[in-house]
Protein backbone atom coordinates (compact mmCIF):
# COMPACT_ATOMS: atom_id res chain seq x y z
CA MET A 1 -86.98 -33.81 114.02
CA ILE A 2 -85.68 -31.90 111.01
CA PRO A 3 -82.60 -29.80 111.79
CA GLY A 4 -82.67 -26.08 111.07
CA GLN A 5 -79.91 -26.50 108.50
CA ILE A 6 -82.12 -28.74 106.36
CA LEU A 7 -84.86 -26.13 106.54
CA ILE A 8 -82.35 -23.46 105.47
CA LEU A 9 -81.31 -25.63 102.50
CA LEU A 10 -84.94 -26.19 101.54
CA GLY A 11 -85.54 -22.45 101.78
CA LEU A 12 -82.51 -21.68 99.62
CA THR A 13 -83.42 -24.15 96.91
CA GLY A 14 -87.14 -23.40 97.01
CA GLY A 15 -86.53 -19.66 96.99
CA THR A 16 -84.11 -20.01 94.07
CA ALA A 17 -86.58 -22.08 92.07
CA LEU A 18 -89.38 -19.60 92.78
CA ALA A 19 -87.25 -16.56 91.94
CA SER A 20 -86.04 -18.21 88.72
CA ARG A 21 -89.63 -18.94 87.68
CA ILE A 22 -90.76 -15.39 88.51
CA ASN A 23 -87.85 -14.06 86.44
CA ALA A 24 -88.81 -16.28 83.49
CA VAL A 25 -92.46 -15.23 83.65
CA SER A 26 -91.50 -11.57 83.87
CA LYS A 27 -89.62 -11.95 80.58
CA ASP A 28 -92.60 -13.61 78.85
CA PRO A 29 -93.00 -11.88 75.49
CA ALA A 30 -96.78 -12.51 75.37
CA VAL A 31 -96.56 -14.33 72.05
CA PRO A 32 -99.94 -14.92 70.37
CA LYS A 33 -101.33 -18.34 71.32
CA GLU A 34 -101.52 -19.63 67.73
CA ILE A 35 -97.78 -19.05 67.29
CA ILE A 36 -96.99 -20.77 70.61
CA LYS A 37 -99.06 -23.79 69.53
CA GLU A 38 -97.26 -23.99 66.16
CA VAL A 39 -93.84 -23.73 67.83
CA ARG A 40 -94.79 -26.38 70.40
CA ASP A 41 -95.92 -28.69 67.59
CA LEU A 42 -92.69 -28.09 65.62
CA VAL A 43 -90.54 -28.77 68.67
CA GLN A 44 -92.44 -31.98 69.44
CA GLN A 45 -92.19 -33.15 65.83
CA ALA A 46 -88.45 -32.55 65.87
CA GLY A 47 -88.20 -34.75 68.97
CA GLN A 48 -86.58 -31.99 70.98
CA ILE A 49 -87.45 -33.19 74.44
CA PRO A 50 -85.53 -32.27 77.57
CA ARG A 51 -82.61 -34.54 78.38
CA LEU A 52 -80.66 -35.13 81.57
CA ARG A 53 -77.67 -33.20 80.19
CA ASP A 54 -79.91 -30.12 79.94
CA MET A 55 -79.54 -29.83 83.73
CA ILE A 56 -75.95 -28.65 83.23
CA SER A 57 -75.94 -27.23 79.72
CA ILE A 58 -77.49 -24.56 77.55
CA GLY A 59 -77.63 -25.19 73.81
CA GLY A 60 -75.36 -28.21 74.15
CA ARG A 61 -72.63 -26.21 75.92
CA MET A 62 -71.92 -26.67 79.61
CA ASN A 63 -73.20 -23.83 81.80
CA VAL A 64 -71.12 -23.31 84.94
CA TYR A 65 -74.09 -21.85 86.88
CA LYS A 66 -76.27 -24.88 86.22
CA PHE A 67 -73.34 -27.24 86.82
CA GLN A 68 -72.53 -25.82 90.26
CA MET A 69 -76.19 -26.03 91.31
CA VAL A 70 -76.25 -29.74 90.38
CA VAL A 71 -72.91 -30.46 92.09
CA PHE A 72 -73.86 -28.79 95.39
CA THR A 73 -77.28 -30.45 95.34
CA LEU A 74 -75.71 -33.87 94.76
CA ILE A 75 -73.09 -33.37 97.50
CA THR A 76 -75.77 -32.36 99.98
CA GLY A 77 -78.03 -35.23 98.88
CA ILE A 78 -75.25 -37.75 99.36
CA ILE A 79 -74.43 -36.39 102.83
CA VAL A 80 -78.08 -36.54 103.91
CA PHE A 81 -78.71 -39.97 102.37
CA ALA A 82 -75.57 -41.51 103.90
CA GLU A 83 -76.46 -40.22 107.36
CA LEU A 84 -80.06 -41.37 107.04
CA VAL A 85 -78.91 -44.88 106.10
CA LYS A 86 -76.25 -44.95 108.81
CA SER A 87 -78.14 -43.55 111.79
CA PHE A 88 -81.73 -42.84 110.65
CA ASN A 89 -81.21 -39.16 111.55
CA PHE A 90 -80.86 -36.03 109.49
CA PRO A 91 -77.21 -34.96 109.57
CA GLU A 92 -75.68 -31.65 110.52
CA ILE A 93 -74.75 -30.02 107.22
CA PRO A 94 -71.44 -28.13 107.42
CA ASN A 95 -72.05 -24.38 107.58
CA THR A 96 -69.50 -23.83 104.81
CA LEU A 97 -71.56 -26.05 102.48
CA ILE A 98 -74.70 -24.05 103.29
CA VAL A 99 -72.83 -20.82 102.53
CA LEU A 100 -71.50 -22.31 99.27
CA ILE A 101 -75.00 -23.34 98.25
CA GLY A 102 -76.29 -19.86 99.06
CA VAL A 103 -73.52 -18.25 96.99
CA SER A 104 -74.13 -20.75 94.18
CA ASN A 105 -77.85 -19.99 94.14
CA THR A 106 -77.17 -16.25 94.17
CA LEU A 107 -74.81 -16.56 91.19
CA TYR A 108 -77.34 -18.72 89.35
CA LEU A 109 -80.11 -16.18 89.91
CA GLY A 110 -77.81 -13.31 88.96
CA ASN A 111 -77.09 -15.05 85.67
CA GLU A 112 -80.79 -15.77 85.08
CA VAL A 113 -81.77 -12.15 85.72
CA SER A 114 -79.00 -10.67 83.58
CA VAL A 115 -79.63 -12.80 80.48
CA ASP A 116 -82.70 -12.10 78.35
CA PRO A 117 -83.00 -14.78 75.66
CA LEU A 118 -86.43 -13.48 74.65
CA LYS A 119 -85.38 -9.93 73.76
CA GLU A 120 -85.50 -10.62 70.01
CA VAL A 121 -88.83 -12.44 70.35
CA ARG A 122 -90.31 -9.55 72.32
CA GLN A 123 -89.28 -7.05 69.61
CA LYS A 124 -90.73 -9.21 66.82
CA VAL A 125 -94.01 -9.66 68.72
CA GLU A 126 -94.36 -5.88 69.07
CA GLU A 127 -93.78 -5.47 65.32
CA TYR A 128 -96.21 -8.34 64.58
CA GLU A 129 -98.98 -6.79 66.67
CA LYS A 130 -98.59 -3.38 64.98
CA GLU A 131 -98.25 -4.68 61.42
CA GLU A 132 -101.36 -4.53 59.22
CA ASP A 133 -99.91 -5.85 55.94
CA GLY A 134 -100.72 -9.57 55.70
CA LYS A 135 -97.48 -10.54 53.93
CA LYS A 136 -95.26 -8.65 56.36
CA ARG A 137 -97.26 -10.11 59.25
CA ALA A 138 -96.74 -13.64 57.91
CA GLU A 139 -92.99 -13.00 57.61
CA LEU A 140 -92.86 -11.65 61.17
CA LYS A 141 -94.74 -14.73 62.35
CA LYS A 142 -92.07 -16.95 60.74
CA GLN A 143 -89.34 -14.90 62.41
CA ILE A 144 -91.06 -15.18 65.82
CA LYS A 145 -91.38 -18.95 65.43
CA LYS A 146 -87.71 -19.28 64.46
CA ALA A 147 -86.60 -17.09 67.38
CA LEU A 148 -88.73 -19.11 69.82
CA ILE A 149 -87.32 -22.38 68.53
CA ASP A 150 -83.80 -20.95 68.86
CA CYS A 151 -84.59 -19.91 72.47
CA TYR A 152 -85.92 -23.38 73.22
CA GLN A 153 -82.79 -25.01 71.82
CA THR A 154 -80.51 -22.81 73.92
CA ALA A 155 -82.53 -22.94 77.16
């Protein structure tokens, strides 16, 4: 039988992941598909693939919100794994750890909601869609691509 504490932890982490994804989608700048494809191709050509360190950093700099999520997840995982190996039962997770994970997830989501890395992209897309001059449109397209690549590198 799975203890209620494990279900609470699953709810916290699942709810955080879902809320983070909803937040990211709500900030989607609705960039034209041809620009997204070009940016994706440029990123792939540059070999900019996600790395393990990206779990705790943004743009190569450590992010305390991501770091604490990883630390609390690892601590909980170790507790559960050790108990499963020792007694083949799910352990009782200390209530203080559950509260810490809840606070950690809340801080992480607060940071995610308060930061809008796509603000510049969104503004450029609006200008791009309104612009009728081909040269200015091409320049805006370059600026959108650069801003998207910058966002990708700092995500």
